[in-house]
Amino acid sequence: MVEEETGLVSKILEFPLPPDLTDLFLAAGWARPHLYLDPQVRAGISAFAVADKAQIAPGLHRLQNDLASGEWLKRYGHILGQTSYEAGYRFVVAR
């Protein structure tokens, strides 16, 4: 927790993401990358929803291939043992 004494902000609280977060915003799939392949999940994530589909298609294709081949697990599997992921999200408590 970071204390802030200026203006209307009384506290800024860190929000490390659990692996099973049910509110699916951009970084929520850090331990479940297959979620990003689901068009319904992407439609609920503003960064994907407003993006040009042609621009994200190559990345989704690579992700799908990396998941199928085991490459994603080889490169990033170490994070699956983490109990949370610090993606920079914060709660701001105002007075």
PDB file of N, CA and C in Angstrom:
ATOM      1  N   MET A   1       0.844  -1.176   0.000  1.00  0.00           N
ATOM      2  CA  MET A   1       0.000   0.000   0.000  1.00  0.00           C
ATOM      3  C   MET A   1       0.890   1.240   0.000  1.00  0.00           C
ATOM      4  N   VAL A   2       0.548   2.200  -0.820  1.00  0.00           N
ATOM      5  CA  VAL A   2       1.257   3.467  -0.886  1.00  0.00           C
ATOM      6  C   VAL A   2       0.338   4.535  -0.322  1.00  0.00           C
ATOM      7  N   GLU A   3       0.818   5.276   0.630  1.00  0.00           N
ATOM      8  CA  GLU A   3       0.017   6.358   1.221  1.00  0.00           C
ATOM      9  C   GLU A   3       0.265   7.639   0.440  1.00  0.00           C
ATOM     10  N   GLU A   4      -0.782   8.347   0.162  1.00  0.00           N
ATOM     11  CA  GLU A   4      -0.719   9.601  -0.576  1.00  0.00           C
ATOM     12  C   GLU A   4      -1.463  10.638   0.255  1.00  0.00           C
ATOM     13  N   GLU A   5      -0.831  11.772   0.511  1.00  0.00           N
ATOM     14  CA  GLU A   5      -1.413  12.768   1.403  1.00  0.00           C
ATOM     15  C   GLU A   5      -1.894  14.020   0.679  1.00  0.00           C
ATOM     16  N   THR A   6      -1.751  14.095  -0.626  1.00  0.00           N
ATOM     17  CA  THR A   6      -2.081  15.337  -1.316  1.00  0.00           C
ATOM     18  C   THR A   6      -3.438  15.271  -1.993  1.00  0.00           C
ATOM     19  N   GLY A   7      -4.063  16.410  -2.186  1.00  0.00           N
ATOM     20  CA  GLY A   7      -5.317  16.491  -2.918  1.00  0.00           C
ATOM     21  C   GLY A   7      -6.418  15.661  -2.296  1.00  0.00           C
ATOM     22  N   LEU A   8      -7.209  15.047  -3.146  1.00  0.00           N
ATOM     23  CA  LEU A   8      -8.341  14.255  -2.690  1.00  0.00           C
ATOM     24  C   LEU A   8      -7.999  12.782  -2.490  1.00  0.00           C
ATOM     25  N   VAL A   9      -6.807  12.379  -2.870  1.00  0.00           N
ATOM     26  CA  VAL A   9      -6.420  10.977  -2.764  1.00  0.00           C
ATOM     27  C   VAL A   9      -5.900  10.686  -1.365  1.00  0.00           C
ATOM     28  N   SER A  10      -6.517   9.699  -0.693  1.00  0.00           N
ATOM     29  CA  SER A  10      -6.040   9.337   0.634  1.00  0.00           C
ATOM     30  C   SER A  10      -5.193   8.075   0.622  1.00  0.00           C
ATOM     31  N   LYS A  11      -5.419   7.193  -0.366  1.00  0.00           N
ATOM     32  CA  LYS A  11      -4.623   5.960  -0.457  1.00  0.00           C
ATOM     33  C   LYS A  11      -4.573   5.493  -1.907  1.00  0.00           C
ATOM     34  N   ILE A  12      -3.471   4.858  -2.242  1.00  0.00           N
ATOM     35  CA  ILE A  12      -3.352   4.139  -3.506  1.00  0.00           C
ATOM     36  C   ILE A  12      -2.972   2.711  -3.140  1.00  0.00           C
ATOM     37  N   LEU A  13      -3.828   1.773  -3.502  1.00  0.00           N
ATOM     38  CA  LEU A  13      -3.622   0.377  -3.141  1.00  0.00           C
ATOM     39  C   LEU A  13      -3.228  -0.441  -4.358  1.00  0.00           C
ATOM     40  N   GLU A  14      -2.181  -1.213  -4.232  1.00  0.00           N
ATOM     41  CA  GLU A  14      -1.763  -2.110  -5.312  1.00  0.00           C
ATOM     42  C   GLU A  14      -2.809  -3.199  -5.493  1.00  0.00           C
ATOM     43  N   PHE A  15      -2.962  -3.663  -6.722  1.00  0.00           N
ATOM     44  CA  PHE A  15      -3.913  -4.735  -7.006  1.00  0.00           C
ATOM     45  C   PHE A  15      -3.234  -5.814  -7.847  1.00  0.00           C
ATOM     46  N   PRO A  16      -2.461  -6.693  -7.170  1.00  0.00           N
ATOM     47  CA  PRO A  16      -1.874  -7.818  -7.900  1.00  0.00           C
ATOM     48  C   PRO A  16      -2.982  -8.761  -8.354  1.00  0.00           C
ATOM     49  N   LEU A  17      -2.888  -9.230  -9.573  1.00  0.00           N
ATOM     50  CA  LEU A  17      -3.962 -10.032 -10.164  1.00  0.00           C
ATOM     51  C   LEU A  17      -3.823 -11.514  -9.810  1.00  0.00           C
ATOM     52  N   PRO A  18      -4.883 -12.122  -9.293  1.00  0.00           N
ATOM     53  CA  PRO A  18      -4.854 -13.560  -9.046  1.00  0.00           C
ATOM     54  C   PRO A  18      -4.993 -14.309 -10.374  1.00  0.00           C
ATOM     55  N   PRO A  19      -4.589 -15.558 -10.438  1.00  0.00           N
ATOM     56  CA  PRO A  19      -4.674 -16.298 -11.702  1.00  0.00           C
ATOM     57  C   PRO A  19      -6.100 -16.631 -12.131  1.00  0.00           C
ATOM     58  N   ASP A  20      -7.045 -16.603 -11.211  1.00  0.00           N
ATOM     59  CA  ASP A  20      -8.420 -16.989 -11.531  1.00  0.00           C
ATOM     60  C   ASP A  20      -9.381 -15.804 -11.511  1.00  0.00           C
ATOM     61  N   LEU A  21      -8.895 -14.630 -11.791  1.00  0.00           N
ATOM     62  CA  LEU A  21      -9.707 -13.419 -11.795  1.00  0.00           C
ATOM     63  C   LEU A  21     -10.891 -13.590 -12.740  1.00  0.00           C
ATOM     64  N   THR A  22     -12.086 -13.291 -12.265  1.00  0.00           N
ATOM     65  CA  THR A  22     -13.279 -13.482 -13.093  1.00  0.00           C
ATOM     66  C   THR A  22     -13.634 -12.246 -13.909  1.00  0.00           C
ATOM     67  N   ASP A  23     -13.226 -11.068 -13.495  1.00  0.00           N
ATOM     68  CA  ASP A  23     -13.454  -9.853 -14.269  1.00  0.00           C
ATOM     69  C   ASP A  23     -12.365  -9.797 -15.334  1.00  0.00           C
ATOM     70  N   LEU A  24     -12.726 -10.065 -16.561  1.00  0.00           N
ATOM     71  CA  LEU A  24     -11.727 -10.261 -17.618  1.00  0.00           C
ATOM     72  C   LEU A  24     -11.360  -8.967 -18.323  1.00  0.00           C
ATOM     73  N   PHE A  25     -10.494  -8.183 -17.713  1.00  0.00           N
ATOM     74  CA  PHE A  25      -9.928  -7.013 -18.366  1.00  0.00           C
ATOM     75  C   PHE A  25      -8.575  -7.397 -18.944  1.00  0.00           C
ATOM     76  N   LEU A  26      -7.863  -6.469 -19.540  1.00  0.00           N
ATOM     77  CA  LEU A  26      -6.719  -6.779 -20.394  1.00  0.00           C
ATOM     78  C   LEU A  26      -5.706  -7.769 -19.806  1.00  0.00           C
ATOM     79  N   ALA A  27      -5.211  -7.548 -18.613  1.00  0.00           N
ATOM     80  CA  ALA A  27      -4.168  -8.424 -18.073  1.00  0.00           C
ATOM     81  C   ALA A  27      -4.712  -9.609 -17.283  1.00  0.00           C
ATOM     82  N   ALA A  28      -6.012  -9.761 -17.218  1.00  0.00           N
ATOM     83  CA  ALA A  28      -6.614 -10.808 -16.384  1.00  0.00           C
ATOM     84  C   ALA A  28      -6.281 -12.220 -16.851  1.00  0.00           C
ATOM     85  N   GLY A  29      -5.892 -12.386 -18.081  1.00  0.00           N
ATOM     86  CA  GLY A  29      -5.570 -13.713 -18.591  1.00  0.00           C
ATOM     87  C   GLY A  29      -4.090 -14.055 -18.508  1.00  0.00           C
ATOM     88  N   TRP A  30      -3.367 -13.394 -17.632  1.00  0.00           N
ATOM     89  CA  TRP A  30      -1.919 -13.603 -17.553  1.00  0.00           C
ATOM     90  C   TRP A  30      -1.559 -15.072 -17.350  1.00  0.00           C
ATOM     91  N   ALA A  31      -2.368 -15.824 -16.629  1.00  0.00           N
ATOM     92  CA  ALA A  31      -2.086 -17.249 -16.400  1.00  0.00           C
ATOM     93  C   ALA A  31      -2.996 -18.152 -17.236  1.00  0.00           C
ATOM     94  N   ARG A  32      -3.855 -17.537 -18.050  1.00  0.00           N
ATOM     95  CA  ARG A  32      -4.784 -18.287 -18.893  1.00  0.00           C
ATOM     96  C   ARG A  32      -4.817 -17.658 -20.290  1.00  0.00           C
ATOM     97  N   PRO A  33      -3.713 -17.732 -21.007  1.00  0.00           N
ATOM     98  CA  PRO A  33      -3.623 -17.026 -22.296  1.00  0.00           C
ATOM     99  C   PRO A  33      -4.641 -17.481 -23.325  1.00  0.00           C
ATOM    100  N   HIS A  34      -5.151 -18.690 -23.187  1.00  0.00           N
ATOM    101  CA  HIS A  34      -6.162 -19.176 -24.127  1.00  0.00           C
ATOM    102  C   HIS A  34      -7.419 -18.306 -24.114  1.00  0.00           C
ATOM    103  N   LEU A  35      -7.652 -17.579 -23.022  1.00  0.00           N
ATOM    104  CA  LEU A  35      -8.822 -16.701 -22.958  1.00  0.00           C
ATOM    105  C   LEU A  35      -8.810 -15.668 -24.076  1.00  0.00           C
ATOM    106  N   TYR A  36      -7.627 -15.193 -24.453  1.00  0.00           N
ATOM    107  CA  TYR A  36      -7.524 -14.153 -25.476  1.00  0.00           C
ATOM    108  C   TYR A  36      -7.918 -14.660 -26.866  1.00  0.00           C
ATOM    109  N   LEU A  37      -7.995 -15.959 -27.031  1.00  0.00           N
ATOM    110  CA  LEU A  37      -8.413 -16.530 -28.319  1.00  0.00           C
ATOM    111  C   LEU A  37      -9.936 -16.536 -28.481  1.00  0.00           C
ATOM    112  N   ASP A  38     -10.654 -16.318 -27.408  1.00  0.00           N
ATOM    113  CA  ASP A  38     -12.113 -16.338 -27.424  1.00  0.00           C
ATOM    114  C   ASP A  38     -12.641 -14.963 -27.856  1.00  0.00           C
ATOM    115  N   PRO A  39     -13.337 -14.891 -28.984  1.00  0.00           N
ATOM    116  CA  PRO A  39     -13.845 -13.600 -29.457  1.00  0.00           C
ATOM    117  C   PRO A  39     -14.764 -12.901 -28.452  1.00  0.00           C
ATOM    118  N   GLN A  40     -15.526 -13.667 -27.679  1.00  0.00           N
ATOM    119  CA  GLN A  40     -16.407 -13.057 -26.680  1.00  0.00           C
ATOM    120  C   GLN A  40     -15.610 -12.415 -25.553  1.00  0.00           C
ATOM    121  N   VAL A  41     -14.526 -13.046 -25.155  1.00  0.00           N
ATOM    122  CA  VAL A  41     -13.657 -12.466 -24.127  1.00  0.00           C
ATOM    123  C   VAL A  41     -13.026 -11.189 -24.670  1.00  0.00           C
ATOM    124  N   ARG A  42     -12.481 -11.256 -25.884  1.00  0.00           N
ATOM    125  CA  ARG A  42     -11.856 -10.061 -26.476  1.00  0.00           C
ATOM    126  C   ARG A  42     -12.854  -8.923 -26.634  1.00  0.00           C
ATOM    127  N   ALA A  43     -14.104  -9.235 -26.937  1.00  0.00           N
ATOM    128  CA  ALA A  43     -15.121  -8.189 -27.109  1.00  0.00           C
ATOM    129  C   ALA A  43     -15.369  -7.419 -25.811  1.00  0.00           C
ATOM    130  N   GLY A  44     -15.105  -8.049 -24.670  1.00  0.00           N
ATOM    131  CA  GLY A  44     -15.289  -7.401 -23.379  1.00  0.00           C
ATOM    132  C   GLY A  44     -14.056  -6.685 -22.867  1.00  0.00           C
ATOM    133  N   ILE A  45     -12.976  -6.724 -23.621  1.00  0.00           N
ATOM    134  CA  ILE A  45     -11.730  -6.056 -23.247  1.00  0.00           C
ATOM    135  C   ILE A  45     -11.556  -4.878 -24.201  1.00  0.00           C
ATOM    136  N   SER A  46     -11.658  -3.667 -23.683  1.00  0.00           N
ATOM    137  CA  SER A  46     -11.700  -2.486 -24.541  1.00  0.00           C
ATOM    138  C   SER A  46     -10.528  -2.396 -25.512  1.00  0.00           C
ATOM    139  N   ALA A  47      -9.337  -2.745 -25.083  1.00  0.00           N
ATOM    140  CA  ALA A  47      -8.177  -2.663 -25.973  1.00  0.00           C
ATOM    141  C   ALA A  47      -8.346  -3.539 -27.206  1.00  0.00           C
ATOM    142  N   PHE A  48      -8.956  -4.694 -27.044  1.00  0.00           N
ATOM    143  CA  PHE A  48      -9.234  -5.562 -28.188  1.00  0.00           C
ATOM    144  C   PHE A  48     -10.481  -5.114 -28.944  1.00  0.00           C
ATOM    145  N   ALA A  49     -11.502  -4.695 -28.223  1.00  0.00           N
ATOM    146  CA  ALA A  49     -12.781  -4.344 -28.844  1.00  0.00           C
ATOM    147  C   ALA A  49     -12.649  -3.186 -29.824  1.00  0.00           C
ATOM    148  N   VAL A  50     -11.766  -2.240 -29.537  1.00  0.00           N
ATOM    149  CA  VAL A  50     -11.607  -1.080 -30.423  1.00  0.00           C
ATOM    150  C   VAL A  50     -10.482  -1.256 -31.438  1.00  0.00           C
ATOM    151  N   ALA A  51      -9.715  -2.318 -31.295  1.00  0.00           N
ATOM    152  CA  ALA A  51      -8.578  -2.545 -32.195  1.00  0.00           C
ATOM    153  C   ALA A  51      -9.039  -3.016 -33.569  1.00  0.00           C
ATOM    154  N   ASP A  52      -8.243  -2.706 -34.552  1.00  0.00           N
ATOM    155  CA  ASP A  52      -8.481  -3.194 -35.908  1.00  0.00           C
ATOM    156  C   ASP A  52      -8.245  -4.703 -35.910  1.00  0.00           C
ATOM    157  N   LYS A  53      -9.253  -5.466 -36.295  1.00  0.00           N
ATOM    158  CA  LYS A  53      -9.168  -6.938 -36.260  1.00  0.00           C
ATOM    159  C   LYS A  53      -7.989  -7.451 -37.087  1.00  0.00           C
ATOM    160  N   ALA A  54      -7.695  -6.788 -38.196  1.00  0.00           N
ATOM    161  CA  ALA A  54      -6.580  -7.210 -39.049  1.00  0.00           C
ATOM    162  C   ALA A  54      -5.239  -7.017 -38.350  1.00  0.00           C
ATOM    163  N   GLN A  55      -5.163  -6.040 -37.465  1.00  0.00           N
ATOM    164  CA  GLN A  55      -3.905  -5.802 -36.757  1.00  0.00           C
ATOM    165  C   GLN A  55      -3.669  -6.798 -35.636  1.00  0.00           C
ATOM    166  N   ILE A  56      -4.726  -7.288 -35.017  1.00  0.00           N
ATOM    167  CA  ILE A  56      -4.518  -8.247 -33.925  1.00  0.00           C
ATOM    168  C   ILE A  56      -4.497  -9.689 -34.401  1.00  0.00           C
ATOM    169  N   ALA A  57      -4.968  -9.945 -35.607  1.00  0.00           N
ATOM    170  CA  ALA A  57      -5.037 -11.315 -36.130  1.00  0.00           C
ATOM    171  C   ALA A  57      -3.683 -12.034 -36.126  1.00  0.00           C
ATOM    172  N   PRO A  58      -2.583 -11.408 -36.573  1.00  0.00           N
ATOM    173  CA  PRO A  58      -1.306 -12.125 -36.561  1.00  0.00           C
ATOM    174  C   PRO A  58      -0.864 -12.531 -35.150  1.00  0.00           C
ATOM    175  N   GLY A  59      -1.087 -11.656 -34.159  1.00  0.00           N
ATOM    176  CA  GLY A  59      -0.723 -11.984 -32.786  1.00  0.00           C
ATOM    177  C   GLY A  59      -1.564 -13.116 -32.226  1.00  0.00           C
ATOM    178  N   LEU A  60      -2.846 -13.107 -32.555  1.00  0.00           N
ATOM    179  CA  LEU A  60      -3.721 -14.193 -32.100  1.00  0.00           C
ATOM    180  C   LEU A  60      -3.326 -15.513 -32.747  1.00  0.00           C
ATOM    181  N   HIS A  61      -2.942 -15.444 -34.005  1.00  0.00           N
ATOM    182  CA  HIS A  61      -2.494 -16.652 -34.712  1.00  0.00           C
ATOM    183  C   HIS A  61      -1.217 -17.210 -34.064  1.00  0.00           C
ATOM    184  N   ARG A  62      -0.270 -16.324 -33.751  1.00  0.00           N
ATOM    185  CA  ARG A  62       0.965 -16.766 -33.077  1.00  0.00           C
ATOM    186  C   ARG A  62       0.661 -17.365 -31.714  1.00  0.00           C
ATOM    187  N   LEU A  63      -0.240 -16.709 -30.966  1.00  0.00           N
ATOM    188  CA  LEU A  63      -0.605 -17.231 -29.651  1.00  0.00           C
ATOM    189  C   LEU A  63      -1.225 -18.619 -29.779  1.00  0.00           C
ATOM    190  N   GLN A  64      -2.132 -18.774 -30.718  1.00  0.00           N
ATOM    191  CA  GLN A  64      -2.774 -20.076 -30.921  1.00  0.00           C
ATOM    192  C   GLN A  64      -1.735 -21.140 -31.266  1.00  0.00           C
ATOM    193  N   ASN A  65      -0.814 -20.811 -32.148  1.00  0.00           N
ATOM    194  CA  ASN A  65       0.240 -21.762 -32.520  1.00  0.00           C
ATOM    195  C   ASN A  65       1.154 -22.073 -31.347  1.00  0.00           C
ATOM    196  N   ASP A  66       1.527 -21.043 -30.592  1.00  0.00           N
ATOM    197  CA  ASP A  66       2.418 -21.248 -29.442  1.00  0.00           C
ATOM    198  C   ASP A  66       1.757 -22.101 -28.360  1.00  0.00           C
ATOM    199  N   LEU A  67       0.461 -21.901 -28.156  1.00  0.00           N
ATOM    200  CA  LEU A  67      -0.251 -22.739 -27.176  1.00  0.00           C
ATOM    201  C   LEU A  67      -0.342 -24.182 -27.661  1.00  0.00           C
ATOM    202  N   ALA A  68      -0.636 -24.365 -28.936  1.00  0.00           N
ATOM    203  CA  ALA A  68      -0.788 -25.716 -29.495  1.00  0.00           C
ATOM    204  C   ALA A  68       0.532 -26.476 -29.517  1.00  0.00           C
ATOM    205  N   SER A  69       1.616 -25.768 -29.785  1.00  0.00           N
ATOM    206  CA  SER A  69       2.918 -26.431 -29.911  1.00  0.00           C
ATOM    207  C   SER A  69       3.639 -26.609 -28.575  1.00  0.00           C
ATOM    208  N   GLY A  70       3.157 -25.915 -27.545  1.00  0.00           N
ATOM    209  CA  GLY A  70       3.837 -25.957 -26.253  1.00  0.00           C
ATOM    210  C   GLY A  70       4.886 -24.870 -26.102  1.00  0.00           C
ATOM    211  N   GLU A  71       5.066 -24.057 -27.140  1.00  0.00           N
ATOM    212  CA  GLU A  71       6.062 -22.982 -27.087  1.00  0.00           C
ATOM    213  C   GLU A  71       5.724 -21.957 -26.001  1.00  0.00           C
ATOM    214  N   TRP A  72       4.435 -21.627 -25.862  1.00  0.00           N
ATOM    215  CA  TRP A  72       4.054 -20.664 -24.826  1.00  0.00           C
ATOM    216  C   TRP A  72       4.442 -21.202 -23.455  1.00  0.00           C
ATOM    217  N   LEU A  73       4.144 -22.462 -23.211  1.00  0.00           N
ATOM    218  CA  LEU A  73       4.468 -23.078 -21.925  1.00  0.00           C
ATOM    219  C   LEU A  73       5.971 -23.101 -21.697  1.00  0.00           C
ATOM    220  N   LYS A  74       6.726 -23.375 -22.745  1.00  0.00           N
ATOM    221  CA  LYS A  74       8.187 -23.402 -22.643  1.00  0.00           C
ATOM    222  C   LYS A  74       8.735 -22.026 -22.269  1.00  0.00           C
ATOM    223  N   ARG A  75       8.201 -20.992 -22.904  1.00  0.00           N
ATOM    224  CA  ARG A  75       8.696 -19.633 -22.656  1.00  0.00           C
ATOM    225  C   ARG A  75       8.168 -19.022 -21.367  1.00  0.00           C
ATOM    226  N   TYR A  76       6.885 -19.246 -21.088  1.00  0.00           N
ATOM    227  CA  TYR A  76       6.228 -18.509 -20.008  1.00  0.00           C
ATOM    228  C   TYR A  76       5.645 -19.392 -18.915  1.00  0.00           C
ATOM    229  N   GLY A  77       5.835 -20.690 -19.010  1.00  0.00           N
ATOM    230  CA  GLY A  77       5.254 -21.613 -18.036  1.00  0.00           C
ATOM    231  C   GLY A  77       5.662 -21.329 -16.607  1.00  0.00           C
ATOM    232  N   HIS A  78       6.818 -20.711 -16.416  1.00  0.00           N
ATOM    233  CA  HIS A  78       7.287 -20.416 -15.062  1.00  0.00           C
ATOM    234  C   HIS A  78       6.320 -19.505 -14.300  1.00  0.00           C
ATOM    235  N   ILE A  79       5.541 -18.681 -15.017  1.00  0.00           N
ATOM    236  CA  ILE A  79       4.630 -17.785 -14.311  1.00  0.00           C
ATOM    237  C   ILE A  79       3.414 -18.518 -13.750  1.00  0.00           C
ATOM    238  N   LEU A  80       3.160 -19.720 -14.233  1.00  0.00           N
ATOM    239  CA  LEU A  80       1.989 -20.461 -13.777  1.00  0.00           C
ATOM    240  C   LEU A  80       2.098 -20.874 -12.311  1.00  0.00           C
ATOM    241  N   GLY A  81       3.294 -20.845 -11.756  1.00  0.00           N
ATOM    242  CA  GLY A  81       3.491 -21.152 -10.346  1.00  0.00           C
ATOM    243  C   GLY A  81       3.284 -19.949  -9.437  1.00  0.00           C
ATOM    244  N   GLN A  82       3.090 -18.785 -10.032  1.00  0.00           N
ATOM    245  CA  GLN A  82       2.889 -17.572  -9.239  1.00  0.00           C
ATOM    246  C   GLN A  82       1.460 -17.526  -8.698  1.00  0.00           C
ATOM    247  N   THR A  83       1.307 -16.957  -7.522  1.00  0.00           N
ATOM    248  CA  THR A  83      -0.019 -16.809  -6.933  1.00  0.00           C
ATOM    249  C   THR A  83      -0.672 -15.490  -7.343  1.00  0.00           C
ATOM    250  N   SER A  84       0.113 -14.578  -7.926  1.00  0.00           N
ATOM    251  CA  SER A  84      -0.433 -13.317  -8.411  1.00  0.00           C
ATOM    252  C   SER A  84       0.546 -12.719  -9.412  1.00  0.00           C
ATOM    253  N   TYR A  85       0.064 -11.705 -10.126  1.00  0.00           N
ATOM    254  CA  TYR A  85       0.871 -11.020 -11.136  1.00  0.00           C
ATOM    255  C   TYR A  85       0.684  -9.519 -10.963  1.00  0.00           C
ATOM    256  N   GLU A  86       1.778  -8.806 -10.863  1.00  0.00           N
ATOM    257  CA  GLU A  86       1.743  -7.348 -10.701  1.00  0.00           C
ATOM    258  C   GLU A  86       1.762  -6.709 -12.085  1.00  0.00           C
ATOM    259  N   ALA A  87       0.597  -6.237 -12.527  1.00  0.00           N
ATOM    260  CA  ALA A  87       0.468  -5.637 -13.849  1.00  0.00           C
ATOM    261  C   ALA A  87       0.342  -4.121 -13.785  1.00  0.00           C
ATOM    262  N   GLY A  88       0.479  -3.559 -12.600  1.00  0.00           N
ATOM    263  CA  GLY A  88       0.427  -2.110 -12.455  1.00  0.00           C
ATOM    264  C   GLY A  88      -0.952  -1.545 -12.152  1.00  0.00           C
ATOM    265  N   TYR A  89      -1.936  -2.412 -11.934  1.00  0.00           N
ATOM    266  CA  TYR A  89      -3.275  -1.915 -11.592  1.00  0.00           C
ATOM    267  C   TYR A  89      -3.298  -1.394 -10.165  1.00  0.00           C
ATOM    268  N   ARG A  90      -4.081  -0.336  -9.949  1.00  0.00           N
ATOM    269  CA  ARG A  90      -4.182   0.287  -8.633  1.00  0.00           C
ATOM    270  C   ARG A  90      -5.633   0.663  -8.330  1.00  0.00           C
ATOM    271  N   PHE A  91      -5.966   0.623  -7.054  1.00  0.00           N
ATOM    272  CA  PHE A  91      -7.209   1.205  -6.559  1.00  0.00           C
ATOM    273  C   PHE A  91      -6.835   2.547  -5.942  1.00  0.00           C
ATOM    274  N   VAL A  92      -7.572   3.576  -6.274  1.00  0.00           N
ATOM    275  CA  VAL A  92      -7.339   4.902  -5.702  1.00  0.00           C
ATOM    276  C   VAL A  92      -8.511   5.206  -4.777  1.00  0.00           C
ATOM    277  N   VAL A  93      -8.201   5.478  -3.520  1.00  0.00           N
ATOM    278  CA  VAL A  93      -9.217   5.791  -2.521  1.00  0.00           C
ATOM    279  C   VAL A  93      -9.212   7.300  -2.324  1.00  0.00           C
ATOM    280  N   ALA A  94     -10.359   7.904  -2.598  1.00  0.00           N
ATOM    281  CA  ALA A  94     -10.477   9.362  -2.454  1.00  0.00           C
ATOM    282  C   ALA A  94     -11.204   9.705  -1.167  1.00  0.00           C
ATOM    283  N   ARG A  95     -10.913  10.873  -0.657  1.00  0.00           N
ATOM    284  CA  ARG A  95     -11.583  11.353   0.543  1.00  0.00           C
ATOM    285  C   ARG A  95     -12.950  11.891   0.216  1.00  0.00           C
TER     286      ARG A  95
END
